[in-house]
Amino acid sequence: MIARKEEFTDMRINLDGGTYEGCTFRNCTLLYSGMLPVSLNKCFFENCVWDFIGPAGNALAFMRDLYIAGGDQREQVEDVLEKVKVTS
């Protein structure tokens, strides 16, 4: 799916494989499985819920378990999260 400057309200949207440019998402549940890349460029999100399912959900659960384990694993998870952050 390619969406440009569209508004989505009160929807469940599977983001996998989609390109969204300048879109607005309100009160949506946004699903991402990690099976296909997604592009979100200059989008606005209001009161949305992110639901990571399938491989993406498995990866997050793995990171959570590493973090809970503590020790060096917790530091490694923190390092990964720092790499994810983007600053302007």
C-alpha atoms as a PDB file:
ATOM      1  CA  MET A   1       0.000   0.000   0.000  1.00  0.00           C
ATOM      2  CA  ILE A   2       1.151   3.509  -0.801  1.00  0.00           C
ATOM      3  CA  ALA A   3      -0.659   6.284   1.055  1.00  0.00           C
ATOM      4  CA  ARG A   4       0.082   9.987   0.769  1.00  0.00           C
ATOM      5  CA  LYS A   5      -1.527  12.630   2.992  1.00  0.00           C
ATOM      6  CA  GLU A   6      -4.347  10.296   3.987  1.00  0.00           C
ATOM      7  CA  GLU A   7      -6.152  10.212   7.323  1.00  0.00           C
ATOM      8  CA  PHE A   8      -6.896   6.957   9.110  1.00  0.00           C
ATOM      9  CA  THR A   9      -9.269   6.949  12.086  1.00  0.00           C
ATOM     10  CA  ASP A  10     -10.467   4.094  14.310  1.00  0.00           C
ATOM     11  CA  MET A  11      -8.854   1.418  12.139  1.00  0.00           C
ATOM     12  CA  ARG A  12      -6.645  -1.652  12.511  1.00  0.00           C
ATOM     13  CA  ILE A  13      -3.876  -1.243   9.962  1.00  0.00           C
ATOM     14  CA  ASN A  14      -1.272  -3.817   9.015  1.00  0.00           C
ATOM     15  CA  LEU A  15       1.756  -1.681   8.207  1.00  0.00           C
ATOM     16  CA  ASP A  16       3.912  -4.434   6.670  1.00  0.00           C
ATOM     17  CA  GLY A  17       4.965  -3.599   3.130  1.00  0.00           C
ATOM     18  CA  GLY A  18       3.348  -0.156   3.227  1.00  0.00           C
ATOM     19  CA  THR A  19       4.623   3.309   2.428  1.00  0.00           C
ATOM     20  CA  TYR A  20       2.963   6.153   4.298  1.00  0.00           C
ATOM     21  CA  GLU A  21       3.914   9.756   3.589  1.00  0.00           C
ATOM     22  CA  GLY A  22       2.413  12.676   5.481  1.00  0.00           C
ATOM     23  CA  CYS A  23      -0.439  10.547   6.807  1.00  0.00           C
ATOM     24  CA  THR A  24      -2.404  11.028  10.012  1.00  0.00           C
ATOM     25  CA  PHE A  25      -3.370   8.098  12.216  1.00  0.00           C
ATOM     26  CA  ARG A  26      -5.975   8.703  14.952  1.00  0.00           C
ATOM     27  CA  ASN A  27      -7.195   6.102  17.423  1.00  0.00           C
ATOM     28  CA  CYS A  28      -5.730   3.325  15.294  1.00  0.00           C
ATOM     29  CA  THR A  29      -4.217  -0.008  16.168  1.00  0.00           C
ATOM     30  CA  LEU A  30      -1.053  -0.315  14.095  1.00  0.00           C
ATOM     31  CA  LEU A  31       0.140  -3.859  13.455  1.00  0.00           C
ATOM     32  CA  TYR A  32       3.681  -4.710  12.452  1.00  0.00           C
ATOM     33  CA  SER A  33       4.949  -8.268  12.025  1.00  0.00           C
ATOM     34  CA  GLY A  34       8.396  -7.605  10.612  1.00  0.00           C
ATOM     35  CA  MET A  35       7.731  -9.722   7.536  1.00  0.00           C
ATOM     36  CA  LEU A  36       8.119  -6.751   5.165  1.00  0.00           C
ATOM     37  CA  PRO A  37       9.695  -3.320   5.616  1.00  0.00           C
ATOM     38  CA  VAL A  38       7.492  -0.295   6.190  1.00  0.00           C
ATOM     39  CA  SER A  39       8.153   3.373   5.458  1.00  0.00           C
ATOM     40  CA  LEU A  40       6.614   6.054   7.706  1.00  0.00           C
ATOM     41  CA  ASN A  41       7.667   9.504   6.518  1.00  0.00           C
ATOM     42  CA  LYS A  42       6.413  12.664   8.247  1.00  0.00           C
ATOM     43  CA  CYS A  43       3.355  10.921   9.678  1.00  0.00           C
ATOM     44  CA  PHE A  44       1.359  12.054  12.713  1.00  0.00           C
ATOM     45  CA  PHE A  45       0.081   9.609  15.349  1.00  0.00           C
ATOM     46  CA  GLU A  46      -2.630  10.492  17.862  1.00  0.00           C
ATOM     47  CA  ASN A  47      -3.835   8.046  20.494  1.00  0.00           C
ATOM     48  CA  CYS A  48      -2.626   5.000  18.559  1.00  0.00           C
ATOM     49  CA  VAL A  49      -1.681   1.569  19.858  1.00  0.00           C
ATOM     50  CA  TRP A  50       1.267  -0.308  18.386  1.00  0.00           C
ATOM     51  CA  ASP A  51       0.923  -4.091  18.217  1.00  0.00           C
ATOM     52  CA  PHE A  52       4.059  -6.026  17.287  1.00  0.00           C
ATOM     53  CA  ILE A  53       3.090  -9.516  16.149  1.00  0.00           C
ATOM     54  CA  GLY A  54       4.843 -12.508  14.568  1.00  0.00           C
ATOM     55  CA  PRO A  55       8.611 -12.131  14.134  1.00  0.00           C
ATOM     56  CA  ALA A  56       8.565  -8.500  15.332  1.00  0.00           C
ATOM     57  CA  GLY A  57       6.721  -9.535  18.492  1.00  0.00           C
ATOM     58  CA  ASN A  58       9.154 -12.406  19.005  1.00  0.00           C
ATOM     59  CA  ALA A  59      12.129 -10.042  18.712  1.00  0.00           C
ATOM     60  CA  LEU A  60      10.648  -7.651  21.284  1.00  0.00           C
ATOM     61  CA  ALA A  61       9.857 -10.520  23.656  1.00  0.00           C
ATOM     62  CA  PHE A  62      13.461 -11.726  23.297  1.00  0.00           C
ATOM     63  CA  MET A  63      14.808  -8.244  24.098  1.00  0.00           C
ATOM     64  CA  ARG A  64      12.464  -8.013  27.112  1.00  0.00           C
ATOM     65  CA  ASP A  65      13.680 -11.372  28.413  1.00  0.00           C
ATOM     66  CA  LEU A  66      17.325 -10.318  28.003  1.00  0.00           C
ATOM     67  CA  TYR A  67      16.621  -7.100  29.883  1.00  0.00           C
ATOM     68  CA  ILE A  68      14.838  -8.919  32.704  1.00  0.00           C
ATOM     69  CA  ALA A  69      17.780 -11.326  33.002  1.00  0.00           C
ATOM     70  CA  GLY A  70      19.922  -8.371  34.070  1.00  0.00           C
ATOM     71  CA  GLY A  71      23.710  -8.186  34.104  1.00  0.00           C
ATOM     72  CA  ASP A  72      25.530  -7.644  30.815  1.00  0.00           C
ATOM     73  CA  GLN A  73      22.367  -8.515  28.884  1.00  0.00           C
ATOM     74  CA  ARG A  74      20.584  -5.434  30.261  1.00  0.00           C
ATOM     75  CA  GLU A  75      23.432  -3.208  29.054  1.00  0.00           C
ATOM     76  CA  GLN A  76      23.322  -4.821  25.615  1.00  0.00           C
ATOM     77  CA  VAL A  77      19.594  -4.127  25.327  1.00  0.00           C
ATOM     78  CA  GLU A  78      20.228  -0.504  26.350  1.00  0.00           C
ATOM     79  CA  ASP A  79      22.900  -0.277  23.626  1.00  0.00           C
ATOM     80  CA  VAL A  80      20.438  -1.543  21.018  1.00  0.00           C
ATOM     81  CA  LEU A  81      17.835   1.004  22.134  1.00  0.00           C
ATOM     82  CA  GLU A  82      20.389   3.828  21.845  1.00  0.00           C
ATOM     83  CA  LYS A  83      21.039   2.794  18.239  1.00  0.00           C
ATOM     84  CA  VAL A  84      17.312   2.979  17.517  1.00  0.00           C
ATOM     85  CA  LYS A  85      16.974   6.565  18.747  1.00  0.00           C
ATOM     86  CA  VAL A  86      17.200   9.252  16.092  1.00  0.00           C
ATOM     87  CA  THR A  87      18.064  12.853  16.838  1.00  0.00           C
ATOM     88  CA  SER A  88      17.640  15.809  14.554  1.00  0.00           C
END
